[in-house]
Amino acid sequence: MMDSFKQNNFRRLPEGIQSFEMIRKGNYVYVDKTDLVWHLANGRMFNYLSRPRRFGKSLLVDTLRCYFEGRKELFEGLKIMELEKEWKVSPVIRFDMSNAGASAEDMNSYFNSTFRRLEHDYNVRTFDGDGLVARFENILRTASGEGENPVVILIDEYDSPLQHSWHTPEHEACTAIYRKMFALLKSCTLYERFVFLTGITKFTQISLFSVLNNLTNVSFMPQYAAICGITEQEIHDNFMPEIEAMAIHDGETADGVFAKLKHNYDGYHFSDKNMVDIYNPFSLVTSLAQLRIGNYWVSSGATSMLPKFVEDLELKIKDMEAIPVDKSILESSDVTGGAELFLYQSGYLTIRNFNSLDYILGIPNNEVRQALYAVVIPALTLRSQKLY
């Protein structure tokens, strides 16, 4: 037992760490996604990526931040070094909307605090009475040198305030703030180099994304299917010491450990043209670090928003193995697309197959199946009973 413990702890695993700089400077194991990061950063100007909670969106955002800030030293030895030759440094403005609350007052407070810091950092001249939009535009103008060095804007978990305010009187007020901000992003392209939003779902029915209609949804593009999460090949390439330690700890073979990990954490697909299996990164890394199979993703709070969006779920577990959903509906990513759509976006269903018209959704793995039995269905059933 002691030998397996020492072997497993010889290397540092990035359990829950969302800072690329911390991972690289702290000598944590890093699954190299930097070739995909480079192609994303040097492709379309406006991009949106949807992935479930705890799938590495925030780490991706932080990696983009470090890249655009020209932090070349953090990328030594990674795939991006074969692609990037110039390392042009750009001003980077990052918003973490998971810290912005669930009311207009909370959002205003968050933006005010963030803008004060940015105004200080970029020596932006301020005027009494300026609202959020005017201040943001002034920040973009000044930080970019009137467009001489355009700004990178990264908005992580953009939908957090909208999810938490859903079906409350605050929702429309939160939406109104975003409409103004998004309209500004569209009108200030002269000052922008790259704009990237992450989230779980799109609130298109409230015209939020029609305001920023030049935003490309990269969520279903085959080249980015594995930009978040971990593939089986990446496990072989990066985690063999941990696999072997877990095998010693459990008294079985490495193949037996692989089979357990696959059964519990594998099975996600995010494109019909690249059906490579994706493992839940949070559960996988936590399991390898703790030498134990467990339901780590669910216990991290992954079910908290489901009752808000899946109110009328009448599906049974047996009906969730092959659910046809029109491709255009799923790819719209709209929050009002139905229970199946939000279960897909939140990680409880995934693409299992497809035909010319439909995606066929199903439960990705055993961890999710257990969560549906033990947590999700009982919670939604209880809610439904209270409504009648």
Protein backbone atom coordinates (compact mmCIF):
# COMPACT_ATOMS: atom_id res chain seq x y z
CA MET A 1 0.00 0.00 0.00
CA MET A 2 2.77 2.46 0.89
CA ASP A 3 4.61 1.80 -2.40
CA SER A 4 1.50 2.61 -4.44
CA PHE A 5 0.92 5.73 -2.38
CA LYS A 6 4.45 6.99 -3.01
CA GLN A 7 4.25 6.18 -6.71
CA ASN A 8 0.94 7.99 -7.12
CA ASN A 9 2.16 11.07 -5.27
CA PHE A 10 5.47 11.35 -7.08
CA ARG A 11 3.74 13.62 -9.59
CA ARG A 12 1.25 16.39 -8.92
CA LEU A 13 -2.19 16.06 -10.50
CA PRO A 14 -4.15 19.29 -11.14
CA GLU A 15 -7.29 18.44 -9.14
CA GLY A 16 -9.69 21.34 -9.70
CA ILE A 17 -6.91 23.76 -10.73
CA GLN A 18 -8.12 26.25 -13.35
CA SER A 19 -4.92 28.29 -13.68
CA PHE A 20 -2.64 27.38 -16.59
CA GLU A 21 0.17 29.38 -15.00
CA MET A 22 -0.18 27.51 -11.70
CA ILE A 23 -0.16 24.14 -13.46
CA ARG A 24 2.97 24.96 -15.44
CA LYS A 25 4.89 26.70 -12.66
CA GLY A 26 3.82 24.13 -10.08
CA ASN A 27 4.99 21.20 -12.21
CA TYR A 28 1.54 19.62 -12.33
CA VAL A 29 0.72 17.07 -15.01
CA TYR A 30 -0.69 18.95 -18.02
CA VAL A 31 -2.58 17.36 -20.92
CA ASP A 32 -1.31 19.36 -23.88
CA LYS A 33 -4.18 21.06 -25.72
CA THR A 34 -2.10 24.02 -26.91
CA ASP A 35 -2.26 23.12 -30.60
CA LEU A 36 -6.06 23.41 -30.40
CA VAL A 37 -5.70 26.62 -28.38
CA TRP A 38 -3.52 28.11 -31.11
CA HIS A 39 -5.95 27.23 -33.90
CA LEU A 40 -8.88 28.64 -31.92
CA ALA A 41 -7.00 31.85 -31.10
CA ASN A 42 -5.91 32.35 -34.70
CA GLY A 43 -9.20 31.46 -36.35
CA ARG A 44 -12.51 33.30 -36.09
CA MET A 45 -12.69 36.54 -34.15
CA PHE A 46 -15.91 35.88 -32.16
CA ASN A 47 -16.38 32.43 -30.63
CA TYR A 48 -18.64 30.61 -28.18
CA LEU A 49 -17.98 27.21 -26.58
CA SER A 50 -20.52 25.20 -24.62
CA ARG A 51 -19.40 22.37 -22.34
CA PRO A 52 -20.75 20.88 -19.08
CA ARG A 53 -19.57 22.05 -15.67
CA ARG A 54 -16.12 20.90 -14.57
CA PHE A 55 -15.00 20.06 -18.11
CA GLY A 56 -12.07 22.49 -18.22
CA LYS A 57 -13.61 25.60 -19.75
CA SER A 58 -11.99 27.91 -17.21
CA LEU A 59 -8.57 26.31 -17.71
CA LEU A 60 -9.00 26.80 -21.46
CA VAL A 61 -9.85 30.48 -20.91
CA ASP A 62 -6.79 30.92 -18.71
CA THR A 63 -4.57 29.21 -21.28
CA LEU A 64 -5.85 31.65 -23.90
CA ARG A 65 -5.10 34.52 -21.52
CA CYS A 66 -1.50 33.39 -21.08
CA TYR A 67 -1.08 32.89 -24.81
CA PHE A 68 -2.38 36.34 -25.74
CA GLU A 69 -0.28 37.92 -22.99
CA GLY A 70 2.77 36.45 -24.71
CA ARG A 71 3.78 34.24 -21.76
CA LYS A 72 6.04 32.14 -23.98
CA GLU A 73 7.98 30.70 -21.04
CA LEU A 74 4.86 28.89 -19.81
CA PHE A 75 4.49 27.05 -23.13
CA GLU A 76 8.02 25.70 -23.51
CA GLY A 77 7.95 22.07 -24.62
CA LEU A 78 4.28 22.16 -25.65
CA LYS A 79 2.73 21.67 -29.10
CA ILE A 80 2.07 25.38 -29.60
CA MET A 81 5.80 26.06 -29.92
CA GLU A 82 5.73 24.42 -33.35
CA LEU A 83 2.93 26.75 -34.46
CA GLU A 84 3.51 30.17 -32.90
CA LYS A 85 6.50 32.19 -34.11
CA GLU A 86 5.67 35.81 -33.24
CA TRP A 87 4.16 35.77 -29.71
CA LYS A 88 2.42 39.08 -30.22
CA VAL A 89 1.37 40.56 -26.86
CA SER A 90 -2.18 41.91 -26.59
CA PRO A 91 -4.13 43.54 -23.75
CA VAL A 92 -6.42 40.89 -22.21
CA ILE A 93 -9.69 41.59 -20.41
CA ARG A 94 -11.14 38.58 -18.63
CA PHE A 95 -14.54 38.30 -16.96
CA ASP A 96 -15.44 35.39 -14.70
CA MET A 97 -19.21 35.67 -14.60
CA SER A 98 -19.54 32.90 -12.02
CA ASN A 99 -18.60 35.67 -9.56
CA ALA A 100 -21.27 38.08 -10.84
CA GLY A 101 -24.22 36.92 -8.75
CA ALA A 102 -27.82 36.48 -9.86
CA SER A 103 -29.29 39.98 -9.86
CA ALA A 104 -28.81 43.25 -11.73
CA GLU A 105 -27.38 44.76 -8.55
CA ASP A 106 -24.84 41.95 -8.27
CA MET A 107 -23.88 42.22 -11.94
CA ASN A 108 -23.50 46.00 -11.74
CA SER A 109 -21.32 45.62 -8.66
CA TYR A 110 -19.15 43.01 -10.39
CA PHE A 111 -18.69 45.13 -13.53
CA ASN A 112 -18.03 48.27 -11.49
CA SER A 113 -15.33 46.52 -9.52
CA THR A 114 -13.77 44.99 -12.64
CA PHE A 115 -13.88 48.27 -14.56
CA ARG A 116 -12.25 50.18 -11.68
CA ARG A 117 -9.34 47.77 -11.79
CA LEU A 118 -9.07 48.00 -15.59
CA GLU A 119 -9.29 51.80 -15.53
CA HIS A 120 -6.43 51.84 -13.05
CA ASP A 121 -4.35 49.29 -14.97
CA TYR A 122 -4.71 51.07 -18.32
CA ASN A 123 -4.76 54.62 -16.98
CA VAL A 124 -8.22 55.24 -18.41
CA ARG A 125 -9.70 58.70 -17.97
CA THR A 126 -13.06 58.48 -16.23
CA PHE A 127 -16.02 60.83 -16.20
CA ASP A 128 -18.68 61.25 -13.53
CA GLY A 129 -21.99 59.82 -14.58
CA ASP A 130 -20.63 57.41 -17.17
CA GLY A 131 -22.60 54.16 -17.22
CA LEU A 132 -21.18 50.67 -17.64
CA VAL A 133 -21.33 50.70 -21.43
CA ALA A 134 -19.58 54.06 -21.78
CA ARG A 135 -16.91 52.99 -19.32
CA PHE A 136 -16.36 49.69 -21.13
CA GLU A 137 -16.02 51.42 -24.49
CA ASN A 138 -13.54 53.89 -23.00
CA ILE A 139 -11.53 50.99 -21.58
CA LEU A 140 -11.45 49.26 -24.97
CA ARG A 141 -10.40 52.46 -26.76
CA THR A 142 -7.64 53.23 -24.27
CA ALA A 143 -6.33 49.70 -23.71
CA SER A 144 -6.09 49.12 -27.47
CA GLY A 145 -4.42 52.47 -28.15
CA GLU A 146 -7.40 53.49 -30.32
CA GLY A 147 -7.10 50.17 -32.19
CA GLU A 148 -3.32 50.06 -32.61
CA ASN A 149 -3.09 46.93 -30.43
CA PRO A 150 -6.58 45.37 -30.26
CA VAL A 151 -7.86 43.85 -27.03
CA VAL A 152 -8.65 40.21 -26.27
CA ILE A 153 -11.93 39.74 -24.36
CA LEU A 154 -12.54 36.47 -22.51
CA ILE A 155 -15.93 35.93 -20.84
CA ASP A 156 -15.99 32.73 -18.79
CA GLU A 157 -19.28 31.14 -17.66
CA TYR A 158 -21.20 34.00 -19.29
CA ASP A 159 -24.53 32.31 -18.52
CA SER A 160 -24.03 31.95 -14.76
CA PRO A 161 -26.07 35.07 -13.78
CA LEU A 162 -28.77 34.12 -16.29
CA GLN A 163 -29.02 30.55 -15.04
CA HIS A 164 -29.21 31.57 -11.40
CA SER A 165 -31.79 34.28 -12.09
CA TRP A 166 -33.92 32.08 -14.38
CA HIS A 167 -37.61 32.16 -13.41
CA THR A 168 -37.03 35.04 -11.01
CA PRO A 169 -37.93 38.75 -11.34
CA GLU A 170 -34.21 39.53 -11.74
CA HIS A 171 -33.75 37.63 -14.98
CA GLU A 172 -34.86 40.33 -17.41
CA ALA A 173 -32.74 42.96 -15.66
CA CYS A 174 -29.66 40.71 -15.92
CA THR A 175 -30.45 40.13 -19.58
CA ALA A 176 -30.75 43.85 -20.25
CA ILE A 177 -27.24 44.45 -18.92
CA TYR A 178 -25.86 41.76 -21.19
CA ARG A 179 -27.73 43.10 -24.25
CA LYS A 180 -26.01 46.46 -23.88
CA MET A 181 -22.60 44.89 -23.31
CA PHE A 182 -22.94 42.49 -26.22
CA ALA A 183 -24.08 45.27 -28.54
CA LEU A 184 -20.94 47.19 -27.59
CA LEU A 185 -18.74 44.19 -28.41
CA LYS A 186 -20.26 44.09 -31.89
CA SER A 187 -19.80 47.82 -32.50
CA CYS A 188 -16.22 48.01 -31.21
CA THR A 189 -14.51 45.49 -33.49
CA LEU A 190 -11.82 48.07 -34.34
CA TYR A 191 -10.54 47.69 -30.77
CA GLU A 192 -10.85 43.89 -30.52
CA ARG A 193 -8.51 41.10 -31.57
CA PHE A 194 -10.40 38.08 -30.22
CA VAL A 195 -13.62 37.56 -28.26
CA PHE A 196 -14.39 34.24 -26.57
CA LEU A 197 -17.36 33.22 -24.42
CA THR A 198 -17.87 29.98 -22.54
CA GLY A 199 -21.03 28.66 -20.92
CA ILE A 200 -23.39 25.75 -20.69
CA THR A 201 -26.44 27.05 -22.55
CA LYS A 202 -27.47 29.87 -24.88
CA PHE A 203 -30.32 32.23 -24.02
CA THR A 204 -31.19 32.94 -27.65
CA GLN A 205 -34.92 33.40 -27.05
CA ILE A 206 -34.25 36.73 -25.32
CA SER A 207 -32.31 38.05 -28.33
CA LEU A 208 -29.05 37.99 -26.43
CA PHE A 209 -27.13 36.23 -29.16
CA SER A 210 -28.93 38.02 -31.99
CA VAL A 211 -27.34 41.21 -30.68
CA LEU A 212 -23.94 39.56 -31.11
CA ASN A 213 -24.91 37.68 -34.28
CA ASN A 214 -21.33 37.38 -35.53
CA LEU A 215 -20.55 34.91 -32.74
CA THR A 216 -19.50 31.46 -34.01
CA ASN A 217 -20.62 28.46 -31.97
CA VAL A 218 -17.55 26.19 -32.06
CA SER A 219 -19.13 23.68 -29.66
CA PHE A 220 -19.96 21.13 -32.38
CA MET A 221 -16.97 21.70 -34.67
CA PRO A 222 -15.06 18.42 -35.06
CA GLN A 223 -11.64 20.07 -34.74
CA TYR A 224 -12.55 21.26 -31.23
CA ALA A 225 -14.35 18.12 -30.01
CA ALA A 226 -11.49 17.31 -27.63
CA ILE A 227 -10.48 20.85 -26.64
CA CYS A 228 -11.99 20.18 -23.19
CA GLY A 229 -11.97 16.78 -21.53
CA ILE A 230 -9.44 13.97 -21.90
CA THR A 231 -9.23 11.33 -24.64
CA GLU A 232 -8.16 7.73 -24.13
CA GLN A 233 -4.93 8.37 -26.02
CA GLU A 234 -4.21 11.32 -23.73
CA ILE A 235 -4.64 9.04 -20.71
CA HIS A 236 -2.05 6.65 -22.15
CA ASP A 237 0.28 9.53 -22.95
CA ASN A 238 -0.01 11.38 -19.63
CA PHE A 239 -1.24 9.21 -16.77
CA MET A 240 0.45 5.79 -16.94
CA PRO A 241 2.24 6.22 -13.56
CA GLU A 242 -1.12 6.90 -11.91
CA ILE A 243 -2.77 3.99 -13.76
CA GLU A 244 -0.03 1.64 -12.57
CA ALA A 245 -0.26 2.97 -9.01
CA MET A 246 -4.01 2.44 -8.99
CA ALA A 247 -3.52 -1.09 -10.33
CA ILE A 248 -1.10 -1.90 -7.48
CA HIS A 249 -3.45 -0.32 -4.95
CA ASP A 250 -6.43 -2.36 -6.19
CA GLY A 251 -4.46 -5.56 -6.80
CA GLU A 252 -5.29 -5.79 -10.48
CA THR A 253 -3.83 -5.08 -13.90
CA ALA A 254 -3.49 -1.73 -15.66
CA ASP A 255 -6.02 -2.99 -18.22
CA GLY A 256 -8.46 -3.62 -15.39
CA VAL A 257 -8.03 -0.04 -14.16
CA PHE A 258 -8.57 1.28 -17.68
CA ALA A 259 -11.79 -0.70 -17.94
CA LYS A 260 -13.08 0.78 -14.67
CA LEU A 261 -12.18 4.33 -15.67
CA LYS A 262 -13.80 3.88 -19.07
CA HIS A 263 -16.96 2.41 -17.59
CA ASN A 264 -17.36 5.25 -15.12
CA TYR A 265 -16.02 8.40 -16.81
CA ASP A 266 -15.79 7.89 -20.59
CA GLY A 267 -18.40 8.15 -23.33
CA TYR A 268 -18.82 11.86 -24.10
CA HIS A 269 -18.99 13.02 -27.72
CA PHE A 270 -19.34 16.61 -28.91
CA SER A 271 -19.47 16.28 -32.71
CA ASP A 272 -20.92 13.90 -35.28
CA LYS A 273 -17.78 14.10 -37.44
CA ASN A 274 -15.27 13.39 -34.67
CA MET A 275 -16.71 10.72 -32.41
CA VAL A 276 -13.57 10.35 -30.32
CA ASP A 277 -14.48 9.31 -26.77
CA ILE A 278 -14.00 12.05 -24.17
CA TYR A 279 -13.53 11.33 -20.45
CA ASN A 280 -14.90 13.67 -17.80
CA PRO A 281 -11.63 15.37 -16.77
CA PHE A 282 -12.67 16.31 -13.24
CA SER A 283 -13.74 12.79 -12.27
CA LEU A 284 -10.86 11.12 -14.08
CA VAL A 285 -8.10 13.22 -12.49
CA THR A 286 -9.71 13.07 -9.05
CA SER A 287 -10.06 9.31 -9.27
CA LEU A 288 -6.41 8.85 -10.26
CA ALA A 289 -5.25 11.22 -7.53
CA GLN A 290 -7.29 9.46 -4.84
CA LEU A 291 -6.78 5.90 -6.16
CA ARG A 292 -10.51 5.28 -5.98
CA ILE A 293 -13.50 5.17 -8.32
CA GLY A 294 -16.14 7.62 -7.09
CA ASN A 295 -18.93 9.92 -8.25
CA TYR A 296 -16.79 13.05 -8.01
CA TRP A 297 -18.48 15.14 -10.71
CA VAL A 298 -21.95 14.88 -9.20
CA SER A 299 -20.72 15.57 -5.69
CA SER A 300 -19.09 18.78 -6.98
CA GLY A 301 -22.53 20.35 -7.48
CA ALA A 302 -23.18 19.38 -11.08
CA THR A 303 -26.92 18.87 -10.43
CA SER A 304 -27.68 22.23 -8.81
CA MET A 305 -29.23 23.94 -11.85
CA LEU A 306 -31.18 21.02 -13.28
CA PRO A 307 -34.48 21.58 -11.41
CA LYS A 308 -34.64 25.12 -12.85
CA PHE A 309 -34.48 23.96 -16.46
CA VAL A 310 -35.84 20.42 -16.51
CA GLU A 311 -39.16 20.99 -14.83
CA ASP A 312 -41.31 18.65 -16.87
CA LEU A 313 -39.00 15.66 -17.19
CA GLU A 314 -41.16 12.58 -17.73
CA LEU A 315 -38.40 10.43 -19.17
CA LYS A 316 -37.44 7.17 -17.52
CA ILE A 317 -33.86 5.96 -17.31
CA LYS A 318 -34.56 3.26 -19.91
CA ASP A 319 -35.79 5.94 -22.32
CA MET A 320 -32.54 7.88 -22.08
CA GLU A 321 -30.36 5.45 -24.00
CA ALA A 322 -31.49 6.44 -27.50
CA ILE A 323 -33.22 9.81 -27.70
CA PRO A 324 -33.45 11.36 -31.18
CA VAL A 325 -33.05 15.15 -31.23
CA ASP A 326 -33.13 17.26 -34.38
CA LYS A 327 -29.60 18.41 -35.23
CA SER A 328 -30.61 22.04 -35.70
CA ILE A 329 -32.29 22.09 -32.26
CA LEU A 330 -29.29 20.60 -30.48
CA GLU A 331 -26.80 22.86 -32.28
CA SER A 332 -28.86 25.96 -31.50
CA SER A 333 -27.90 25.34 -27.84
CA ASP A 334 -31.02 27.32 -26.80
CA VAL A 335 -32.07 26.95 -23.18
CA THR A 336 -35.71 26.54 -24.26
CA GLY A 337 -34.93 23.55 -26.48
CA GLY A 338 -36.40 21.05 -24.04
CA ALA A 339 -35.35 18.72 -21.25
CA GLU A 340 -33.18 16.55 -23.48
CA LEU A 341 -31.23 19.56 -24.73
CA PHE A 342 -30.39 20.86 -21.26
CA LEU A 343 -29.49 17.37 -20.07
CA TYR A 344 -27.05 17.21 -22.99
CA GLN A 345 -25.60 20.64 -22.25
CA SER A 346 -25.19 19.87 -18.57
CA GLY A 347 -23.46 16.54 -19.22
CA TYR A 348 -26.18 14.00 -18.39
CA LEU A 349 -26.70 12.99 -22.00
CA THR A 350 -24.24 12.90 -24.86
CA ILE A 351 -24.17 12.16 -28.59
CA ARG A 352 -24.21 8.38 -28.98
CA ASN A 353 -25.01 8.19 -32.69
CA PHE A 354 -26.46 10.27 -35.53
CA ASN A 355 -28.17 10.16 -38.89
CA SER A 356 -28.79 12.76 -41.58
CA LEU A 357 -31.45 14.56 -39.51
CA ASP A 358 -30.95 13.70 -35.86
CA TYR A 359 -28.42 13.27 -33.10
CA ILE A 360 -29.14 10.19 -31.01
CA LEU A 361 -28.51 11.05 -27.35
CA GLY A 362 -27.80 8.66 -24.52
CA ILE A 363 -26.27 8.40 -21.05
CA PRO A 364 -22.48 8.64 -21.39
CA ASN A 365 -21.23 6.45 -18.53
CA ASN A 366 -21.90 4.74 -15.22
CA GLU A 367 -21.16 7.79 -13.04
CA VAL A 368 -23.89 9.75 -14.82
CA ARG A 369 -26.30 6.81 -14.78
CA GLN A 370 -25.91 6.50 -11.01
CA ALA A 371 -26.38 10.24 -10.63
CA LEU A 372 -29.62 10.12 -12.60
CA TYR A 373 -30.94 7.29 -10.44
CA ALA A 374 -29.78 8.63 -7.08
CA VAL A 375 -30.00 12.41 -7.42
CA VAL A 376 -31.56 13.86 -10.54
CA ILE A 377 -34.74 11.83 -11.04
CA PRO A 378 -35.72 11.93 -7.32
CA ALA A 379 -35.12 15.70 -7.17
CA LEU A 380 -37.14 16.38 -10.29
CA THR A 381 -39.90 14.00 -9.21
CA LEU A 382 -40.16 15.78 -5.85
CA ARG A 383 -40.32 19.14 -7.57
CA SER A 384 -43.04 17.90 -9.92
CA GLN A 385 -45.09 16.65 -6.97
CA LYS A 386 -44.84 20.06 -5.29
CA LEU A 387 -46.18 21.75 -8.41
CA TYR A 388 -49.44 19.82 -8.31
